[in-house]
Amino acid sequence: MRNPELLTADGANENIASLYYKDNCSVIKIVNAVEESSTGEELSANLNKLKLFSKFYPDRETADYARVVMTDPFGNKHYLKAEK
C-alpha cells in the first residue's frame, strides 16, 4: 500500500504526526507500516504494533484502497486511507 492519508470524520485532511506523542513513534514508522501492508486487516495490525494514541480497526476496503478507523481519547474518529 502507499500514499497514507489521515482524515477526520468530516473528511478533512489531518497531519499524520497527530497520531503519536513525542518520541514514541515517527511519521516514517507509520509510512513503513502502511507500505508493508497489502490488506486492511494487515494495515490495522501493523499500525497497532506502533505506540499510537489508540488502536486502528478495519473500516472499508475496495480494489483501490483500504481504510482503517481509530477513535482518539477525546472521542473523535480518525480514518487512515491508503492506496493499493
C-alpha atoms as a PDB file:
ATOM      1  CA  MET A   1       0.000   0.000   0.000  1.00  0.00           C
ATOM      2  CA  ARG A   2       1.091   3.602  -0.475  1.00  0.00           C
ATOM      3  CA  ASN A   3       0.149   7.266  -0.014  1.00  0.00           C
ATOM      4  CA  PRO A   4      -1.296   7.197   3.514  1.00  0.00           C
ATOM      5  CA  GLU A   5      -3.788   9.956   4.179  1.00  0.00           C
ATOM      6  CA  LEU A   6      -5.257  10.769   7.598  1.00  0.00           C
ATOM      7  CA  LEU A   7      -8.791  12.173   7.580  1.00  0.00           C
ATOM      8  CA  THR A   8     -11.233  13.420  10.208  1.00  0.00           C
ATOM      9  CA  ALA A   9     -14.776  12.076  10.350  1.00  0.00           C
ATOM     10  CA  ASP A  10     -15.778  15.112   8.250  1.00  0.00           C
ATOM     11  CA  GLY A  11     -13.263  14.209   5.520  1.00  0.00           C
ATOM     12  CA  ALA A  12     -10.747  16.978   6.283  1.00  0.00           C
ATOM     13  CA  ASN A  13      -7.058  16.124   5.952  1.00  0.00           C
ATOM     14  CA  GLU A  14      -5.024  15.829   9.142  1.00  0.00           C
ATOM     15  CA  ASN A  15      -1.335  15.641   9.904  1.00  0.00           C
ATOM     16  CA  ILE A  16      -0.149  12.039  10.439  1.00  0.00           C
ATOM     17  CA  ALA A  17       2.093  13.287  13.252  1.00  0.00           C
ATOM     18  CA  SER A  18      -1.042  13.861  15.360  1.00  0.00           C
ATOM     19  CA  LEU A  19      -1.305  10.069  15.912  1.00  0.00           C
ATOM     20  CA  TYR A  20       1.568   9.865  18.385  1.00  0.00           C
ATOM     21  CA  TYR A  21       3.190  11.851  21.187  1.00  0.00           C
ATOM     22  CA  LYS A  22       6.835  12.999  21.252  1.00  0.00           C
ATOM     23  CA  ASP A  23       9.415  10.242  20.760  1.00  0.00           C
ATOM     24  CA  ASN A  24       7.229   7.147  20.974  1.00  0.00           C
ATOM     25  CA  CYS A  25       6.863   6.877  17.178  1.00  0.00           C
ATOM     26  CA  SER A  26       7.510   8.770  13.941  1.00  0.00           C
ATOM     27  CA  VAL A  27       5.855   9.502  10.618  1.00  0.00           C
ATOM     28  CA  ILE A  28       8.464   7.289   8.950  1.00  0.00           C
ATOM     29  CA  LYS A  29       7.408   4.294  11.076  1.00  0.00           C
ATOM     30  CA  ILE A  30       3.765   4.908  10.171  1.00  0.00           C
ATOM     31  CA  VAL A  31       4.580   5.158   6.442  1.00  0.00           C
ATOM     32  CA  ASN A  32       6.681   1.973   6.681  1.00  0.00           C
ATOM     33  CA  ALA A  33       3.789   0.135   8.370  1.00  0.00           C
ATOM     34  CA  VAL A  34       1.490   1.256   5.544  1.00  0.00           C
ATOM     35  CA  GLU A  35       3.938   0.203   2.826  1.00  0.00           C
ATOM     36  CA  GLU A  36       4.400  -3.253   4.393  1.00  0.00           C
ATOM     37  CA  SER A  37       0.631  -3.894   4.312  1.00  0.00           C
ATOM     38  CA  SER A  38      -1.394  -5.394   1.500  1.00  0.00           C
ATOM     39  CA  THR A  39      -4.889  -5.575   3.073  1.00  0.00           C
ATOM     40  CA  GLY A  40      -6.922  -3.511   5.500  1.00  0.00           C
ATOM     41  CA  GLU A  41      -6.585  -6.123   8.252  1.00  0.00           C
ATOM     42  CA  GLU A  42      -2.830  -6.222   7.787  1.00  0.00           C
ATOM     43  CA  LEU A  43      -2.733  -2.419   7.784  1.00  0.00           C
ATOM     44  CA  SER A  44      -4.550  -2.173  11.123  1.00  0.00           C
ATOM     45  CA  ALA A  45      -2.347  -4.926  12.626  1.00  0.00           C
ATOM     46  CA  ASN A  46       0.870  -3.183  11.508  1.00  0.00           C
ATOM     47  CA  LEU A  47      -0.296   0.197  12.833  1.00  0.00           C
ATOM     48  CA  ASN A  48      -1.367  -1.350  16.145  1.00  0.00           C
ATOM     49  CA  LYS A  49       2.192  -2.610  16.678  1.00  0.00           C
ATOM     50  CA  LEU A  50       3.293   1.039  16.925  1.00  0.00           C
ATOM     51  CA  LYS A  51       2.840   3.137  20.072  1.00  0.00           C
ATOM     52  CA  LEU A  52      -0.006   5.335  18.835  1.00  0.00           C
ATOM     53  CA  PHE A  53      -2.757   7.037  20.860  1.00  0.00           C
ATOM     54  CA  SER A  54      -5.397   4.402  20.069  1.00  0.00           C
ATOM     55  CA  LYS A  55      -5.928   1.164  18.157  1.00  0.00           C
ATOM     56  CA  PHE A  56      -6.929   1.059  14.486  1.00  0.00           C
ATOM     57  CA  TYR A  57      -9.677  -1.219  13.191  1.00  0.00           C
ATOM     58  CA  PRO A  58     -10.504  -2.172   9.570  1.00  0.00           C
ATOM     59  CA  ASP A  59     -13.289   0.026   8.224  1.00  0.00           C
ATOM     60  CA  ARG A  60     -13.581  -0.284   4.443  1.00  0.00           C
ATOM     61  CA  GLU A  61     -11.651  -1.959   1.664  1.00  0.00           C
ATOM     62  CA  THR A  62     -12.062  -1.714  -2.093  1.00  0.00           C
ATOM     63  CA  ALA A  63      -9.916  -2.759  -5.043  1.00  0.00           C
ATOM     64  CA  ASP A  64      -8.295   0.708  -4.990  1.00  0.00           C
ATOM     65  CA  TYR A  65      -7.775   1.479  -1.299  1.00  0.00           C
ATOM     66  CA  ALA A  66      -8.093   0.316   2.301  1.00  0.00           C
ATOM     67  CA  ARG A  67      -9.353   2.495   5.135  1.00  0.00           C
ATOM     68  CA  VAL A  68      -8.922   1.906   8.864  1.00  0.00           C
ATOM     69  CA  VAL A  69     -10.523   3.844  11.713  1.00  0.00           C
ATOM     70  CA  MET A  70      -9.473   4.838  15.234  1.00  0.00           C
ATOM     71  CA  THR A  71     -11.181   6.785  17.987  1.00  0.00           C
ATOM     72  CA  ASP A  72      -8.895   9.072  19.978  1.00  0.00           C
ATOM     73  CA  PRO A  73      -9.148   9.535  23.771  1.00  0.00           C
ATOM     74  CA  PHE A  74     -11.451  12.542  23.210  1.00  0.00           C
ATOM     75  CA  GLY A  75     -13.992  10.519  21.183  1.00  0.00           C
ATOM     76  CA  ASN A  76     -13.032  11.888  17.751  1.00  0.00           C
ATOM     77  CA  LYS A  77     -12.844   9.433  14.846  1.00  0.00           C
ATOM     78  CA  HIS A  78      -9.848   9.424  12.513  1.00  0.00           C
ATOM     79  CA  TYR A  79      -9.576   7.489   9.266  1.00  0.00           C
ATOM     80  CA  LEU A  80      -6.294   6.422   7.689  1.00  0.00           C
ATOM     81  CA  LYS A  81      -6.736   5.695   3.996  1.00  0.00           C
ATOM     82  CA  ALA A  82      -4.026   4.089   1.830  1.00  0.00           C
ATOM     83  CA  GLU A  83      -3.990   3.267  -1.876  1.00  0.00           C
ATOM     84  CA  LYS A  84      -3.277  -0.264  -3.008  1.00  0.00           C
END
